[in-house]
Amino acid sequence: MTKETFEAKAEKAHGKLLPSPIVFQVTVEKYDGIEEVRAANDYPSDADVVDFLNAARKAAATTAARTAALEAAGIVKPTRDNDPQVRLKEMAALFKSNGMTMDAARSAASTALGIEWEE
């Protein structure tokens, strides 16, 4: 087994945004191969495998059906090609990545594209 330690961050708790993110350390021992899983008697049962695969298939079918239903209702995913607000947000992000404050980036994006912010 291999021990892995990494840092994680909690930004929400109990459905609410925290005033500031809480950073914490996580340590986990991971299997290096299937032999270790079997030796630890941690191998899933046939029923567990069937449940896992059925849940994955159900999730995929639900996603496909949801996408089809939304498209049939005329609801499309907003992209820079079909939504001016997406273009505006992407342009502001570019200005911000170039060192501007968010307020300055929003203003510059609005001016450059001739689009007003809806929010």
Protein backbone atom coordinates (compact mmCIF):
# COMPACT_ATOMS: atom_id res chain seq x y z
CA MET A 1 0.00 0.00 0.00
CA THR A 2 1.07 3.55 -0.66
CA LYS A 3 0.38 6.41 1.72
CA GLU A 4 -0.73 9.64 0.03
CA THR A 5 -1.13 12.98 1.76
CA PHE A 6 -2.75 15.95 0.11
CA GLU A 7 -4.35 19.26 0.96
CA ALA A 8 -8.06 19.87 0.52
CA LYS A 9 -10.26 22.90 1.01
CA ALA A 10 -13.80 23.27 2.34
CA GLU A 11 -15.57 26.35 1.00
CA LYS A 12 -19.08 25.32 2.04
CA ALA A 13 -20.46 23.49 5.07
CA HIS A 14 -24.00 22.31 5.68
CA GLY A 15 -25.19 24.02 2.50
CA LYS A 16 -23.76 27.42 3.43
CA LEU A 17 -20.73 29.33 2.16
CA LEU A 18 -18.04 29.65 4.83
CA PRO A 19 -16.68 33.14 5.62
CA SER A 20 -13.27 31.89 4.52
CA PRO A 21 -12.17 28.51 3.17
CA ILE A 22 -10.86 25.94 5.64
CA VAL A 23 -7.76 24.11 4.44
CA PHE A 24 -7.04 20.64 5.85
CA GLN A 25 -4.68 17.72 5.31
CA VAL A 26 -5.90 14.31 4.16
CA THR A 27 -3.89 11.11 4.44
CA VAL A 28 -5.06 7.92 2.78
CA GLU A 29 -3.50 4.53 2.21
CA LYS A 30 -4.12 3.42 -1.36
CA TYR A 31 -3.90 -0.06 -2.81
CA ASP A 32 -1.05 -0.61 -5.26
CA GLY A 33 -2.72 -3.45 -7.11
CA ILE A 34 -5.63 -5.84 -7.21
CA GLU A 35 -3.64 -8.45 -5.28
CA GLU A 36 -3.56 -6.17 -2.23
CA VAL A 37 -7.31 -5.59 -2.52
CA ARG A 38 -7.99 -9.32 -2.53
CA ALA A 39 -5.49 -10.01 0.26
CA ALA A 40 -7.21 -7.40 2.44
CA ASN A 41 -10.55 -9.08 1.71
CA ASP A 42 -11.75 -5.71 0.44
CA TYR A 43 -12.80 -6.94 -2.97
CA PRO A 44 -16.39 -6.09 -3.92
CA SER A 45 -18.94 -8.86 -4.09
CA ASP A 46 -20.65 -9.73 -7.35
CA ALA A 47 -23.74 -7.89 -6.07
CA ASP A 48 -21.62 -4.80 -5.34
CA VAL A 49 -20.22 -4.87 -8.88
CA VAL A 50 -23.71 -5.22 -10.38
CA ASP A 51 -25.01 -2.36 -8.20
CA PHE A 52 -22.05 -0.16 -9.19
CA LEU A 53 -22.47 -0.82 -12.90
CA ASN A 54 -26.24 -0.35 -12.78
CA ALA A 55 -25.83 2.97 -10.94
CA ALA A 56 -23.33 4.16 -13.57
CA ARG A 57 -25.65 3.09 -16.41
CA LYS A 58 -28.64 4.78 -14.71
CA ALA A 59 -26.67 8.03 -14.28
CA ALA A 60 -25.58 7.99 -17.94
CA ALA A 61 -29.13 7.29 -19.16
CA THR A 62 -30.53 10.04 -16.91
CA THR A 63 -28.00 12.55 -18.24
CA ALA A 64 -28.78 11.62 -21.85
CA ALA A 65 -32.54 11.82 -21.28
CA ARG A 66 -32.21 15.16 -19.45
CA THR A 67 -30.14 16.62 -22.28
CA ALA A 68 -32.68 15.41 -24.86
CA ALA A 69 -35.61 16.81 -22.84
CA LEU A 70 -33.91 20.19 -22.44
CA GLU A 71 -33.09 20.34 -26.15
CA ALA A 72 -36.69 19.40 -27.04
CA ALA A 73 -37.89 22.25 -24.82
CA GLY A 74 -35.59 24.64 -26.66
CA ILE A 75 -33.22 25.07 -23.70
CA VAL A 76 -29.61 25.14 -24.86
CA LYS A 77 -26.41 25.38 -22.87
CA PRO A 78 -25.14 28.97 -22.94
CA THR A 79 -21.89 29.30 -24.87
CA ARG A 80 -19.89 32.24 -26.19
CA ASP A 81 -21.52 31.58 -29.57
CA ASN A 82 -25.11 31.91 -28.37
CA ASP A 83 -25.00 34.06 -25.22
CA PRO A 84 -23.50 37.56 -25.03
CA GLN A 85 -23.17 37.29 -21.23
CA VAL A 86 -20.85 34.28 -21.62
CA ARG A 87 -18.69 36.31 -24.01
CA LEU A 88 -18.66 39.15 -21.51
CA LYS A 89 -17.63 36.88 -18.61
CA GLU A 90 -14.87 35.27 -20.68
CA MET A 91 -13.53 38.67 -21.78
CA ALA A 92 -13.55 39.92 -18.18
CA ALA A 93 -11.66 36.79 -17.11
CA LEU A 94 -9.00 37.52 -19.74
CA PHE A 95 -8.61 41.09 -18.54
CA LYS A 96 -8.43 39.89 -14.91
CA SER A 97 -5.79 37.30 -15.77
CA ASN A 98 -3.75 40.17 -17.20
CA GLY A 99 -3.66 41.87 -13.78
CA MET A 100 -6.77 44.04 -13.69
CA THR A 101 -9.06 44.13 -10.69
CA MET A 102 -12.40 42.40 -11.25
CA ASP A 103 -14.26 45.72 -11.34
CA ALA A 104 -11.84 47.14 -13.93
CA ALA A 105 -11.96 43.90 -15.95
CA ARG A 106 -15.77 43.93 -15.99
CA SER A 107 -15.82 47.54 -17.12
CA ALA A 108 -13.18 46.98 -19.82
CA ALA A 109 -14.98 43.88 -21.11
CA SER A 110 -18.28 45.73 -21.29
CA THR A 111 -16.68 48.60 -23.17
CA ALA A 112 -14.73 46.36 -25.55
CA LEU A 113 -17.73 44.22 -26.48
CA GLY A 114 -20.45 46.85 -26.21
CA ILE A 115 -22.48 44.57 -23.94
CA GLU A 116 -23.95 45.55 -20.56
CA TRP A 117 -23.85 43.21 -17.57
CA GLU A 118 -27.22 41.66 -16.70
CA GLU A 119 -26.35 40.83 -13.11
